[in-house]
Amino acid sequence: MAGAKRSGCRFCEIEKGAGSALVVHEDATTLAFLDRRPLFPGHCLLIPREHHETLFDLPDPLVGHLFANVRLLTHAVEMATGAEGSFVAINNRISQSVPHLHVHVVPRRRKDGLRGFFWPRHPYGSEAEARGIQAAIREAVEGLRR
């Protein structure tokens, strides 16, 4: 069912506007929003708007655009959070909590405690903190797109 919206898919629901998410970037083919269970504040997920479960399922014409937005989002997240670097990851089936292709963009700092695949979560202290990070990333994305 690649390409269609999948009933019951949380990310398809967000894409349709039926699920809630703090969106940081969107265009005709992709949508980026804050992860609800971030590794660190500013942790974002970038998804294709069409339902594709894995990177292998993504049609060739969309791959370049997806990764151009990964690059844009990575830079924006680092700028917005003052991070020293970032971590970018995709799970294909194994450890893929939602079976809809999504790219993790995670801000990183030296000695931040992220080691290997042990990922301690650092939730937002409040909705206001999450919205502040959302606004900062959106502003950085817009600044980079100019």
C-alpha atoms as a PDB file:
ATOM      1  CA  MET A   1       0.000   0.000   0.000  1.00  0.00           C
ATOM      2  CA  ALA A   2       2.958   2.309  -0.575  1.00  0.00           C
ATOM      3  CA  GLY A   3       2.008   5.822  -1.537  1.00  0.00           C
ATOM      4  CA  ALA A   4      -1.504   5.769  -0.090  1.00  0.00           C
ATOM      5  CA  LYS A   5      -2.540   6.986   3.339  1.00  0.00           C
ATOM      6  CA  ARG A   6      -2.767   3.998   5.626  1.00  0.00           C
ATOM      7  CA  SER A   7      -5.652   3.754   8.056  1.00  0.00           C
ATOM      8  CA  GLY A   8      -4.373   3.475  11.601  1.00  0.00           C
ATOM      9  CA  CYS A   9      -0.909   4.874  10.797  1.00  0.00           C
ATOM     10  CA  ARG A  10      -0.099   7.586  13.364  1.00  0.00           C
ATOM     11  CA  PHE A  11       2.096   9.486  10.912  1.00  0.00           C
ATOM     12  CA  CYS A  12      -0.539   9.380   8.146  1.00  0.00           C
ATOM     13  CA  GLU A  13      -2.992  10.776  10.716  1.00  0.00           C
ATOM     14  CA  ILE A  14      -0.574  13.614  11.521  1.00  0.00           C
ATOM     15  CA  GLU A  15      -0.047  14.262   7.805  1.00  0.00           C
ATOM     16  CA  LYS A  16      -3.833  14.481   7.274  1.00  0.00           C
ATOM     17  CA  GLY A  17      -4.139  16.885  10.199  1.00  0.00           C
ATOM     18  CA  ALA A  18      -6.106  14.385  12.272  1.00  0.00           C
ATOM     19  CA  GLY A  19      -3.242  13.726  14.688  1.00  0.00           C
ATOM     20  CA  SER A  20      -1.506  16.379  16.745  1.00  0.00           C
ATOM     21  CA  ALA A  21       2.129  17.281  16.181  1.00  0.00           C
ATOM     22  CA  LEU A  22       4.374  20.303  16.614  1.00  0.00           C
ATOM     23  CA  VAL A  23       5.323  20.872  12.983  1.00  0.00           C
ATOM     24  CA  VAL A  24       8.702  22.475  12.290  1.00  0.00           C
ATOM     25  CA  HIS A  25       8.782  22.229   8.481  1.00  0.00           C
ATOM     26  CA  GLU A  26       6.530  21.135   5.663  1.00  0.00           C
ATOM     27  CA  ASP A  27       6.438  21.177   1.898  1.00  0.00           C
ATOM     28  CA  ALA A  28       4.530  19.324  -0.816  1.00  0.00           C
ATOM     29  CA  THR A  29       6.203  15.944  -0.220  1.00  0.00           C
ATOM     30  CA  THR A  30       7.548  15.957   3.363  1.00  0.00           C
ATOM     31  CA  LEU A  31       6.544  16.928   6.889  1.00  0.00           C
ATOM     32  CA  ALA A  32       8.811  17.415   9.932  1.00  0.00           C
ATOM     33  CA  PHE A  33       7.673  17.601  13.541  1.00  0.00           C
ATOM     34  CA  LEU A  34       9.053  17.273  17.059  1.00  0.00           C
ATOM     35  CA  ASP A  35       9.343  13.734  18.394  1.00  0.00           C
ATOM     36  CA  ARG A  36       6.914  13.231  21.303  1.00  0.00           C
ATOM     37  CA  ARG A  37       9.564  11.259  23.201  1.00  0.00           C
ATOM     38  CA  PRO A  38      12.752  13.125  22.310  1.00  0.00           C
ATOM     39  CA  LEU A  39      16.249  11.921  22.997  1.00  0.00           C
ATOM     40  CA  PHE A  40      17.016  15.615  23.540  1.00  0.00           C
ATOM     41  CA  PRO A  41      14.920  18.760  23.041  1.00  0.00           C
ATOM     42  CA  GLY A  42      14.840  19.522  19.322  1.00  0.00           C
ATOM     43  CA  HIS A  43      14.685  15.840  18.257  1.00  0.00           C
ATOM     44  CA  CYS A  44      12.618  15.876  15.056  1.00  0.00           C
ATOM     45  CA  LEU A  45      11.103  13.331  12.715  1.00  0.00           C
ATOM     46  CA  LEU A  46      10.931  13.938   8.964  1.00  0.00           C
ATOM     47  CA  ILE A  47       8.411  11.837   7.031  1.00  0.00           C
ATOM     48  CA  PRO A  48       7.303  11.576   3.430  1.00  0.00           C
ATOM     49  CA  ARG A  49       3.682  12.719   3.187  1.00  0.00           C
ATOM     50  CA  GLU A  50       2.812   9.556   1.266  1.00  0.00           C
ATOM     51  CA  HIS A  51       2.843   6.306   3.215  1.00  0.00           C
ATOM     52  CA  HIS A  52       6.032   4.335   2.568  1.00  0.00           C
ATOM     53  CA  GLU A  53       7.084   1.925   5.289  1.00  0.00           C
ATOM     54  CA  THR A  54      10.836   1.775   4.682  1.00  0.00           C
ATOM     55  CA  LEU A  55      13.585   3.564   2.828  1.00  0.00           C
ATOM     56  CA  PHE A  56      13.528   0.730   0.305  1.00  0.00           C
ATOM     57  CA  ASP A  57       9.866   1.484  -0.445  1.00  0.00           C
ATOM     58  CA  LEU A  58      10.447   5.188  -1.136  1.00  0.00           C
ATOM     59  CA  PRO A  59      10.258   5.867  -4.900  1.00  0.00           C
ATOM     60  CA  ASP A  60      13.562   6.975  -6.430  1.00  0.00           C
ATOM     61  CA  PRO A  61      12.258  10.439  -7.415  1.00  0.00           C
ATOM     62  CA  LEU A  62      11.537  11.225  -3.727  1.00  0.00           C
ATOM     63  CA  VAL A  63      14.879  10.116  -2.266  1.00  0.00           C
ATOM     64  CA  GLY A  64      16.843  13.230  -3.244  1.00  0.00           C
ATOM     65  CA  HIS A  65      14.164  15.611  -1.994  1.00  0.00           C
ATOM     66  CA  LEU A  66      13.807  13.738   1.301  1.00  0.00           C
ATOM     67  CA  PHE A  67      17.538  13.937   1.971  1.00  0.00           C
ATOM     68  CA  ALA A  68      17.758  17.581   0.899  1.00  0.00           C
ATOM     69  CA  ASN A  69      15.202  18.225   3.652  1.00  0.00           C
ATOM     70  CA  VAL A  70      17.164  16.042   6.082  1.00  0.00           C
ATOM     71  CA  ARG A  71      20.172  18.279   5.409  1.00  0.00           C
ATOM     72  CA  LEU A  72      18.085  21.440   5.854  1.00  0.00           C
ATOM     73  CA  LEU A  73      16.485  20.167   9.061  1.00  0.00           C
ATOM     74  CA  THR A  74      19.812  19.011  10.498  1.00  0.00           C
ATOM     75  CA  HIS A  75      21.292  22.475  10.052  1.00  0.00           C
ATOM     76  CA  ALA A  76      18.166  24.151  11.438  1.00  0.00           C
ATOM     77  CA  VAL A  77      18.028  21.897  14.523  1.00  0.00           C
ATOM     78  CA  GLU A  78      21.690  22.565  15.300  1.00  0.00           C
ATOM     79  CA  MET A  79      21.187  26.323  14.902  1.00  0.00           C
ATOM     80  CA  ALA A  80      17.957  26.442  16.890  1.00  0.00           C
ATOM     81  CA  THR A  81      19.222  24.375  19.816  1.00  0.00           C
ATOM     82  CA  GLY A  82      22.833  25.565  19.887  1.00  0.00           C
ATOM     83  CA  ALA A  83      23.931  21.951  19.385  1.00  0.00           C
ATOM     84  CA  GLU A  84      27.531  21.085  18.520  1.00  0.00           C
ATOM     85  CA  GLY A  85      26.417  18.448  16.030  1.00  0.00           C
ATOM     86  CA  SER A  86      23.621  16.044  15.247  1.00  0.00           C
ATOM     87  CA  PHE A  87      22.668  12.428  14.834  1.00  0.00           C
ATOM     88  CA  VAL A  88      20.605  11.307  11.824  1.00  0.00           C
ATOM     89  CA  ALA A  89      19.027   7.857  11.768  1.00  0.00           C
ATOM     90  CA  ILE A  90      16.481   5.694   9.965  1.00  0.00           C
ATOM     91  CA  ASN A  91      15.178   2.351  11.184  1.00  0.00           C
ATOM     92  CA  ASN A  92      13.845  -0.087   8.602  1.00  0.00           C
ATOM     93  CA  ARG A  93      11.351  -2.429  10.269  1.00  0.00           C
ATOM     94  CA  ILE A  94      13.492  -3.381  13.311  1.00  0.00           C
ATOM     95  CA  SER A  95      13.080  -0.719  16.040  1.00  0.00           C
ATOM     96  CA  GLN A  96      10.740   1.226  13.740  1.00  0.00           C
ATOM     97  CA  SER A  97       8.063   2.226  16.261  1.00  0.00           C
ATOM     98  CA  VAL A  98       5.717   3.514  13.539  1.00  0.00           C
ATOM     99  CA  PRO A  99       5.709   1.573  10.239  1.00  0.00           C
ATOM    100  CA  HIS A 100       5.971   4.775   8.161  1.00  0.00           C
ATOM    101  CA  LEU A 101       9.386   5.872   6.932  1.00  0.00           C
ATOM    102  CA  HIS A 102      10.789   8.541   9.232  1.00  0.00           C
ATOM    103  CA  VAL A 103      14.190  10.120   9.664  1.00  0.00           C
ATOM    104  CA  HIS A 104      15.334  11.068  13.164  1.00  0.00           C
ATOM    105  CA  VAL A 105      17.285  14.329  13.443  1.00  0.00           C
ATOM    106  CA  VAL A 106      18.713  14.628  16.946  1.00  0.00           C
ATOM    107  CA  PRO A 107      20.794  17.536  18.288  1.00  0.00           C
ATOM    108  CA  ARG A 108      24.047  16.408  19.933  1.00  0.00           C
ATOM    109  CA  ARG A 109      26.567  17.843  22.368  1.00  0.00           C
ATOM    110  CA  ARG A 110      29.845  16.396  23.574  1.00  0.00           C
ATOM    111  CA  LYS A 111      29.358  14.116  26.588  1.00  0.00           C
ATOM    112  CA  ASP A 112      25.549  14.231  26.226  1.00  0.00           C
ATOM    113  CA  GLY A 113      25.226  10.604  27.364  1.00  0.00           C
ATOM    114  CA  LEU A 114      24.097   9.151  24.028  1.00  0.00           C
ATOM    115  CA  ARG A 115      26.167   6.016  23.477  1.00  0.00           C
ATOM    116  CA  GLY A 116      25.682   3.388  20.847  1.00  0.00           C
ATOM    117  CA  PHE A 117      22.070   2.352  20.751  1.00  0.00           C
ATOM    118  CA  PHE A 118      21.234   3.077  24.364  1.00  0.00           C
ATOM    119  CA  TRP A 119      19.062   6.143  23.950  1.00  0.00           C
ATOM    120  CA  PRO A 120      17.892   7.656  27.217  1.00  0.00           C
ATOM    121  CA  ARG A 121      14.897   9.885  26.589  1.00  0.00           C
ATOM    122  CA  HIS A 122      14.843  13.499  27.801  1.00  0.00           C
ATOM    123  CA  PRO A 123      11.232  14.713  27.612  1.00  0.00           C
ATOM    124  CA  TYR A 124      10.255  18.342  27.390  1.00  0.00           C
ATOM    125  CA  GLY A 125       9.679  19.954  30.777  1.00  0.00           C
ATOM    126  CA  SER A 126       6.466  21.520  29.549  1.00  0.00           C
ATOM    127  CA  GLU A 127       4.342  22.185  26.495  1.00  0.00           C
ATOM    128  CA  ALA A 128       5.752  25.742  26.504  1.00  0.00           C
ATOM    129  CA  GLU A 129       9.313  24.406  26.250  1.00  0.00           C
ATOM    130  CA  ALA A 130       8.338  22.153  23.320  1.00  0.00           C
ATOM    131  CA  ARG A 131       6.605  25.045  21.556  1.00  0.00           C
ATOM    132  CA  GLY A 132       9.661  27.257  22.122  1.00  0.00           C
ATOM    133  CA  ILE A 133      11.900  24.653  20.461  1.00  0.00           C
ATOM    134  CA  GLN A 134       9.342  24.267  17.660  1.00  0.00           C
ATOM    135  CA  ALA A 135       9.387  28.031  16.997  1.00  0.00           C
ATOM    136  CA  ALA A 136      13.189  28.203  17.054  1.00  0.00           C
ATOM    137  CA  ILE A 137      13.557  25.356  14.529  1.00  0.00           C
ATOM    138  CA  ARG A 138      10.858  26.804  12.256  1.00  0.00           C
ATOM    139  CA  GLU A 139      12.646  30.170  12.323  1.00  0.00           C
ATOM    140  CA  ALA A 140      15.988  28.505  11.521  1.00  0.00           C
ATOM    141  CA  VAL A 141      14.441  26.555   8.621  1.00  0.00           C
ATOM    142  CA  GLU A 142      12.949  29.740   7.187  1.00  0.00           C
ATOM    143  CA  GLY A 143      16.265  31.568   7.567  1.00  0.00           C
ATOM    144  CA  LEU A 144      18.129  28.783   5.772  1.00  0.00           C
ATOM    145  CA  ARG A 145      15.590  28.639   2.934  1.00  0.00           C
ATOM    146  CA  ARG A 146      16.040  32.331   2.131  1.00  0.00           C
END
